[in-house]
Amino acid sequence: MENIETGVLVDMMISYRNMEAFNDMMKFIRQSPRYVLSTVMVQEQYAFALNRAGNKKIRQMKY
């Protein structure tokens, strides 16, 4: 994913959210490049997906 533009990655992430595929969204975010993971927007979307997926245990993102 390192060679894909940031905007495309964000669009893909939002597409997962719109389809309510929250587990897939979290997996996609965790596989994203570090420069994408470190943005506030992506961190907020990850927290949103965790909440919607009903995960009680919060996973720390490594970036």
PDB file of N, CA and C in Angstrom:
ATOM      1  N   MET A   1       0.813  -1.205   0.000  1.00  0.00           N
ATOM      2  CA  MET A   1       0.000   0.000   0.000  1.00  0.00           C
ATOM      3  C   MET A   1       0.851   1.262   0.000  1.00  0.00           C
ATOM      4  N   GLU A   2       2.146   1.108   0.135  1.00  0.00           N
ATOM      5  CA  GLU A   2       3.036   2.267   0.219  1.00  0.00           C
ATOM      6  C   GLU A   2       2.984   3.152  -1.026  1.00  0.00           C
ATOM      7  N   ASN A   3       2.652   2.581  -2.177  1.00  0.00           N
ATOM      8  CA  ASN A   3       2.680   3.334  -3.429  1.00  0.00           C
ATOM      9  C   ASN A   3       1.329   3.920  -3.814  1.00  0.00           C
ATOM     10  N   ILE A   4       0.341   3.771  -2.967  1.00  0.00           N
ATOM     11  CA  ILE A   4      -0.997   4.293  -3.256  1.00  0.00           C
ATOM     12  C   ILE A   4      -1.136   5.668  -2.611  1.00  0.00           C
ATOM     13  N   GLU A   5      -1.721   6.605  -3.347  1.00  0.00           N
ATOM     14  CA  GLU A   5      -1.896   7.962  -2.830  1.00  0.00           C
ATOM     15  C   GLU A   5      -2.760   7.958  -1.568  1.00  0.00           C
ATOM     16  N   THR A   6      -2.459   8.881  -0.673  1.00  0.00           N
ATOM     17  CA  THR A   6      -3.176   8.984   0.598  1.00  0.00           C
ATOM     18  C   THR A   6      -4.673   9.158   0.383  1.00  0.00           C
ATOM     19  N   GLY A   7      -5.058   9.999  -0.569  1.00  0.00           N
ATOM     20  CA  GLY A   7      -6.475  10.245  -0.834  1.00  0.00           C
ATOM     21  C   GLY A   7      -7.223   8.987  -1.226  1.00  0.00           C
ATOM     22  N   VAL A   8      -6.571   8.127  -1.988  1.00  0.00           N
ATOM     23  CA  VAL A   8      -7.192   6.865  -2.402  1.00  0.00           C
ATOM     24  C   VAL A   8      -7.385   5.965  -1.185  1.00  0.00           C
ATOM     25  N   LEU A   9      -6.384   5.907  -0.312  1.00  0.00           N
ATOM     26  CA  LEU A   9      -6.490   5.086   0.897  1.00  0.00           C
ATOM     27  C   LEU A   9      -7.617   5.585   1.801  1.00  0.00           C
ATOM     28  N   VAL A  10      -7.725   6.900   1.939  1.00  0.00           N
ATOM     29  CA  VAL A  10      -8.790   7.470   2.769  1.00  0.00           C
ATOM     30  C   VAL A  10     -10.154   7.163   2.151  1.00  0.00           C
ATOM     31  N   ASP A  11     -10.259   7.286   0.835  1.00  0.00           N
ATOM     32  CA  ASP A  11     -11.524   6.956   0.165  1.00  0.00           C
ATOM     33  C   ASP A  11     -11.911   5.497   0.392  1.00  0.00           C
ATOM     34  N   MET A  12     -10.941   4.607   0.338  1.00  0.00           N
ATOM     35  CA  MET A  12     -11.216   3.188   0.575  1.00  0.00           C
ATOM     36  C   MET A  12     -11.691   2.967   2.010  1.00  0.00           C
ATOM     37  N   MET A  13     -11.040   3.640   2.958  1.00  0.00           N
ATOM     38  CA  MET A  13     -11.415   3.518   4.358  1.00  0.00           C
ATOM     39  C   MET A  13     -12.855   3.990   4.569  1.00  0.00           C
ATOM     40  N   ILE A  14     -13.200   5.121   3.969  1.00  0.00           N
ATOM     41  CA  ILE A  14     -14.551   5.662   4.096  1.00  0.00           C
ATOM     42  C   ILE A  14     -15.569   4.736   3.424  1.00  0.00           C
ATOM     43  N   SER A  15     -15.165   4.086   2.348  1.00  0.00           N
ATOM     44  CA  SER A  15     -16.061   3.131   1.681  1.00  0.00           C
ATOM     45  C   SER A  15     -16.402   1.970   2.610  1.00  0.00           C
ATOM     46  N   TYR A  16     -15.403   1.463   3.330  1.00  0.00           N
ATOM     47  CA  TYR A  16     -15.674   0.411   4.318  1.00  0.00           C
ATOM     48  C   TYR A  16     -16.669   0.913   5.362  1.00  0.00           C
ATOM     49  N   ARG A  17     -16.468   2.159   5.810  1.00  0.00           N
ATOM     50  CA  ARG A  17     -17.369   2.728   6.813  1.00  0.00           C
ATOM     51  C   ARG A  17     -18.789   2.830   6.264  1.00  0.00           C
ATOM     52  N   ASN A  18     -18.924   3.297   5.025  1.00  0.00           N
ATOM     53  CA  ASN A  18     -20.252   3.454   4.424  1.00  0.00           C
ATOM     54  C   ASN A  18     -20.965   2.119   4.241  1.00  0.00           C
ATOM     55  N   MET A  19     -20.204   1.057   4.023  1.00  0.00           N
ATOM     56  CA  MET A  19     -20.793  -0.281   3.883  1.00  0.00           C
ATOM     57  C   MET A  19     -21.037  -0.933   5.243  1.00  0.00           C
ATOM     58  N   GLU A  20     -20.631  -0.240   6.310  1.00  0.00           N
ATOM     59  CA  GLU A  20     -20.728  -0.742   7.679  1.00  0.00           C
ATOM     60  C   GLU A  20     -19.935  -2.032   7.866  1.00  0.00           C
ATOM     61  N   ALA A  21     -18.827  -2.132   7.155  1.00  0.00           N
ATOM     62  CA  ALA A  21     -17.907  -3.273   7.276  1.00  0.00           C
ATOM     63  C   ALA A  21     -16.795  -2.862   8.246  1.00  0.00           C
ATOM     64  N   PHE A  22     -17.153  -2.732   9.512  1.00  0.00           N
ATOM     65  CA  PHE A  22     -16.248  -2.138  10.490  1.00  0.00           C
ATOM     66  C   PHE A  22     -15.036  -3.008  10.804  1.00  0.00           C
ATOM     67  N   ASN A  23     -15.197  -4.311  10.848  1.00  0.00           N
ATOM     68  CA  ASN A  23     -14.036  -5.173  11.088  1.00  0.00           C
ATOM     69  C   ASN A  23     -13.057  -5.098   9.922  1.00  0.00           C
ATOM     70  N   ASP A  24     -13.587  -5.074   8.703  1.00  0.00           N
ATOM     71  CA  ASP A  24     -12.726  -4.924   7.527  1.00  0.00           C
ATOM     72  C   ASP A  24     -12.062  -3.554   7.514  1.00  0.00           C
ATOM     73  N   MET A  25     -12.796  -2.550   7.950  1.00  0.00           N
ATOM     74  CA  MET A  25     -12.255  -1.195   8.026  1.00  0.00           C
ATOM     75  C   MET A  25     -11.073  -1.144   8.991  1.00  0.00           C
ATOM     76  N   MET A  26     -11.222  -1.774  10.153  1.00  0.00           N
ATOM     77  CA  MET A  26     -10.127  -1.786  11.130  1.00  0.00           C
ATOM     78  C   MET A  26      -8.915  -2.522  10.578  1.00  0.00           C
ATOM     79  N   LYS A  27      -9.143  -3.635   9.918  1.00  0.00           N
ATOM     80  CA  LYS A  27      -8.041  -4.396   9.324  1.00  0.00           C
ATOM     81  C   LYS A  27      -7.330  -3.559   8.266  1.00  0.00           C
ATOM     82  N   PHE A  28      -8.100  -2.882   7.423  1.00  0.00           N
ATOM     83  CA  PHE A  28      -7.529  -2.027   6.381  1.00  0.00           C
ATOM     84  C   PHE A  28      -6.683  -0.916   7.002  1.00  0.00           C
ATOM     85  N   ILE A  29      -7.213  -0.277   8.040  1.00  0.00           N
ATOM     86  CA  ILE A  29      -6.484   0.815   8.688  1.00  0.00           C
ATOM     87  C   ILE A  29      -5.184   0.299   9.293  1.00  0.00           C
ATOM     88  N   ARG A  30      -5.224  -0.855   9.953  1.00  0.00           N
ATOM     89  CA  ARG A  30      -4.006  -1.401  10.570  1.00  0.00           C
ATOM     90  C   ARG A  30      -2.947  -1.756   9.536  1.00  0.00           C
ATOM     91  N   GLN A  31      -3.358  -2.037   8.302  1.00  0.00           N
ATOM     92  CA  GLN A  31      -2.411  -2.382   7.245  1.00  0.00           C
ATOM     93  C   GLN A  31      -1.929  -1.160   6.464  1.00  0.00           C
ATOM     94  N   SER A  32      -2.474   0.001   6.769  1.00  0.00           N
ATOM     95  CA  SER A  32      -2.111   1.220   6.046  1.00  0.00           C
ATOM     96  C   SER A  32      -0.701   1.669   6.414  1.00  0.00           C
ATOM     97  N   PRO A  33      -0.071   2.429   5.524  1.00  0.00           N
ATOM     98  CA  PRO A  33       1.277   2.940   5.807  1.00  0.00           C
ATOM     99  C   PRO A  33       1.290   3.855   7.034  1.00  0.00           C
ATOM    100  N   ARG A  34       2.435   3.954   7.645  1.00  0.00           N
ATOM    101  CA  ARG A  34       2.607   4.752   8.866  1.00  0.00           C
ATOM    102  C   ARG A  34       2.166   6.206   8.679  1.00  0.00           C
ATOM    103  N   TYR A  35       2.496   6.799   7.521  1.00  0.00           N
ATOM    104  CA  TYR A  35       2.143   8.201   7.304  1.00  0.00           C
ATOM    105  C   TYR A  35       0.626   8.412   7.242  1.00  0.00           C
ATOM    106  N   VAL A  36      -0.117   7.369   6.949  1.00  0.00           N
ATOM    107  CA  VAL A  36      -1.583   7.452   6.961  1.00  0.00           C
ATOM    108  C   VAL A  36      -2.100   7.203   8.377  1.00  0.00           C
ATOM    109  N   LEU A  37      -1.547   6.210   9.054  1.00  0.00           N
ATOM    110  CA  LEU A  37      -1.969   5.882  10.422  1.00  0.00           C
ATOM    111  C   LEU A  37      -1.773   7.035  11.395  1.00  0.00           C
ATOM    112  N   SER A  38      -0.778   7.858  11.145  1.00  0.00           N
ATOM    113  CA  SER A  38      -0.448   8.919  12.094  1.00  0.00           C
ATOM    114  C   SER A  38      -1.362  10.136  11.974  1.00  0.00           C
ATOM    115  N   THR A  39      -2.268  10.155  11.004  1.00  0.00           N
ATOM    116  CA  THR A  39      -3.161  11.307  10.870  1.00  0.00           C
ATOM    117  C   THR A  39      -4.306  11.213  11.873  1.00  0.00           C
ATOM    118  N   VAL A  40      -4.728  12.361  12.347  1.00  0.00           N
ATOM    119  CA  VAL A  40      -5.808  12.418  13.331  1.00  0.00           C
ATOM    120  C   VAL A  40      -7.094  11.840  12.745  1.00  0.00           C
ATOM    121  N   MET A  41      -7.377  12.151  11.497  1.00  0.00           N
ATOM    122  CA  MET A  41      -8.611  11.668  10.883  1.00  0.00           C
ATOM    123  C   MET A  41      -8.677  10.144  10.872  1.00  0.00           C
ATOM    124  N   VAL A  42      -7.590   9.498  10.521  1.00  0.00           N
ATOM    125  CA  VAL A  42      -7.570   8.034  10.464  1.00  0.00           C
ATOM    126  C   VAL A  42      -7.692   7.457  11.871  1.00  0.00           C
ATOM    127  N   GLN A  43      -7.056   8.067  12.841  1.00  0.00           N
ATOM    128  CA  GLN A  43      -7.172   7.602  14.221  1.00  0.00           C
ATOM    129  C   GLN A  43      -8.613   7.732  14.719  1.00  0.00           C
ATOM    130  N   GLU A  44      -9.275   8.829  14.353  1.00  0.00           N
ATOM    131  CA  GLU A  44     -10.678   9.002  14.733  1.00  0.00           C
ATOM    132  C   GLU A  44     -11.564   7.947  14.064  1.00  0.00           C
ATOM    133  N   GLN A  45     -11.301   7.666  12.801  1.00  0.00           N
ATOM    134  CA  GLN A  45     -12.090   6.664  12.087  1.00  0.00           C
ATOM    135  C   GLN A  45     -11.859   5.267  12.663  1.00  0.00           C
ATOM    136  N   TYR A  46     -10.636   5.000  13.103  1.00  0.00           N
ATOM    137  CA  TYR A  46     -10.333   3.715  13.736  1.00  0.00           C
ATOM    138  C   TYR A  46     -11.134   3.571  15.034  1.00  0.00           C
ATOM    139  N   ALA A  47     -11.170   4.646  15.821  1.00  0.00           N
ATOM    140  CA  ALA A  47     -11.942   4.626  17.068  1.00  0.00           C
ATOM    141  C   ALA A  47     -13.430   4.447  16.771  1.00  0.00           C
ATOM    142  N   PHE A  48     -13.914   5.092  15.722  1.00  0.00           N
ATOM    143  CA  PHE A  48     -15.312   4.948  15.308  1.00  0.00           C
ATOM    144  C   PHE A  48     -15.617   3.496  14.958  1.00  0.00           C
ATOM    145  N   ALA A  49     -14.737   2.879  14.176  1.00  0.00           N
ATOM    146  CA  ALA A  49     -14.927   1.482  13.766  1.00  0.00           C
ATOM    147  C   ALA A  49     -14.898   0.553  14.975  1.00  0.00           C
ATOM    148  N   LEU A  50     -13.991   0.805  15.910  1.00  0.00           N
ATOM    149  CA  LEU A  50     -13.945   0.005  17.138  1.00  0.00           C
ATOM    150  C   LEU A  50     -15.276   0.081  17.876  1.00  0.00           C
ATOM    151  N   ASN A  51     -15.795   1.289  17.987  1.00  0.00           N
ATOM    152  CA  ASN A  51     -17.056   1.498  18.687  1.00  0.00           C
ATOM    153  C   ASN A  51     -18.197   0.774  17.992  1.00  0.00           C
ATOM    154  N   ARG A  52     -18.286   0.922  16.699  1.00  0.00           N
ATOM    155  CA  ARG A  52     -19.383   0.313  15.937  1.00  0.00           C
ATOM    156  C   ARG A  52     -19.283  -1.206  15.909  1.00  0.00           C
ATOM    157  N   ALA A  53     -18.064  -1.715  15.913  1.00  0.00           N
ATOM    158  CA  ALA A  53     -17.871  -3.166  15.893  1.00  0.00           C
ATOM    159  C   ALA A  53     -18.143  -3.771  17.267  1.00  0.00           C
ATOM    160  N   GLY A  54     -18.253  -2.912  18.283  1.00  0.00           N
ATOM    161  CA  GLY A  54     -18.567  -3.390  19.620  1.00  0.00           C
ATOM    162  C   GLY A  54     -17.383  -3.985  20.347  1.00  0.00           C
ATOM    163  N   ASN A  55     -16.188  -3.601  19.947  1.00  0.00           N
ATOM    164  CA  ASN A  55     -14.993  -4.128  20.609  1.00  0.00           C
ATOM    165  C   ASN A  55     -14.818  -3.463  21.965  1.00  0.00           C
ATOM    166  N   LYS A  56     -14.802  -4.274  22.997  1.00  0.00           N
ATOM    167  CA  LYS A  56     -14.599  -3.751  24.345  1.00  0.00           C
ATOM    168  C   LYS A  56     -13.119  -3.489  24.607  1.00  0.00           C
ATOM    169  N   LYS A  57     -12.281  -4.293  23.986  1.00  0.00           N
ATOM    170  CA  LYS A  57     -10.844  -4.148  24.173  1.00  0.00           C
ATOM    171  C   LYS A  57     -10.297  -3.258  23.053  1.00  0.00           C
ATOM    172  N   ILE A  58      -9.708  -2.147  23.428  1.00  0.00           N
ATOM    173  CA  ILE A  58      -9.173  -1.218  22.435  1.00  0.00           C
ATOM    174  C   ILE A  58      -7.782  -1.666  22.022  1.00  0.00           C
ATOM    175  N   ARG A  59      -7.599  -1.792  20.724  1.00  0.00           N
ATOM    176  CA  ARG A  59      -6.284  -2.152  20.197  1.00  0.00           C
ATOM    177  C   ARG A  59      -5.479  -0.884  19.957  1.00  0.00           C
ATOM    178  N   GLN A  60      -4.281  -0.897  20.421  1.00  0.00           N
ATOM    179  CA  GLN A  60      -3.383   0.221  20.195  1.00  0.00           C
ATOM    180  C   GLN A  60      -2.826   0.123  18.780  1.00  0.00           C
ATOM    181  N   MET A  61      -2.930   1.208  18.029  1.00  0.00           N
ATOM    182  CA  MET A  61      -2.349   1.216  16.691  1.00  0.00           C
ATOM    183  C   MET A  61      -0.857   1.465  16.802  1.00  0.00           C
ATOM    184  N   LYS A  62      -0.090   0.751  16.019  1.00  0.00           N
ATOM    185  CA  LYS A  62       1.352   0.960  15.977  1.00  0.00           C
ATOM    186  C   LYS A  62       1.675   1.788  14.754  1.00  0.00           C
ATOM    187  N   TYR A  63       2.275   2.949  14.985  1.00  0.00           N
ATOM    188  CA  TYR A  63       2.642   3.811  13.866  1.00  0.00           C
ATOM    189  C   TYR A  63       3.882   4.577  14.137  1.00  0.00           C
TER     190      TYR A  63
END
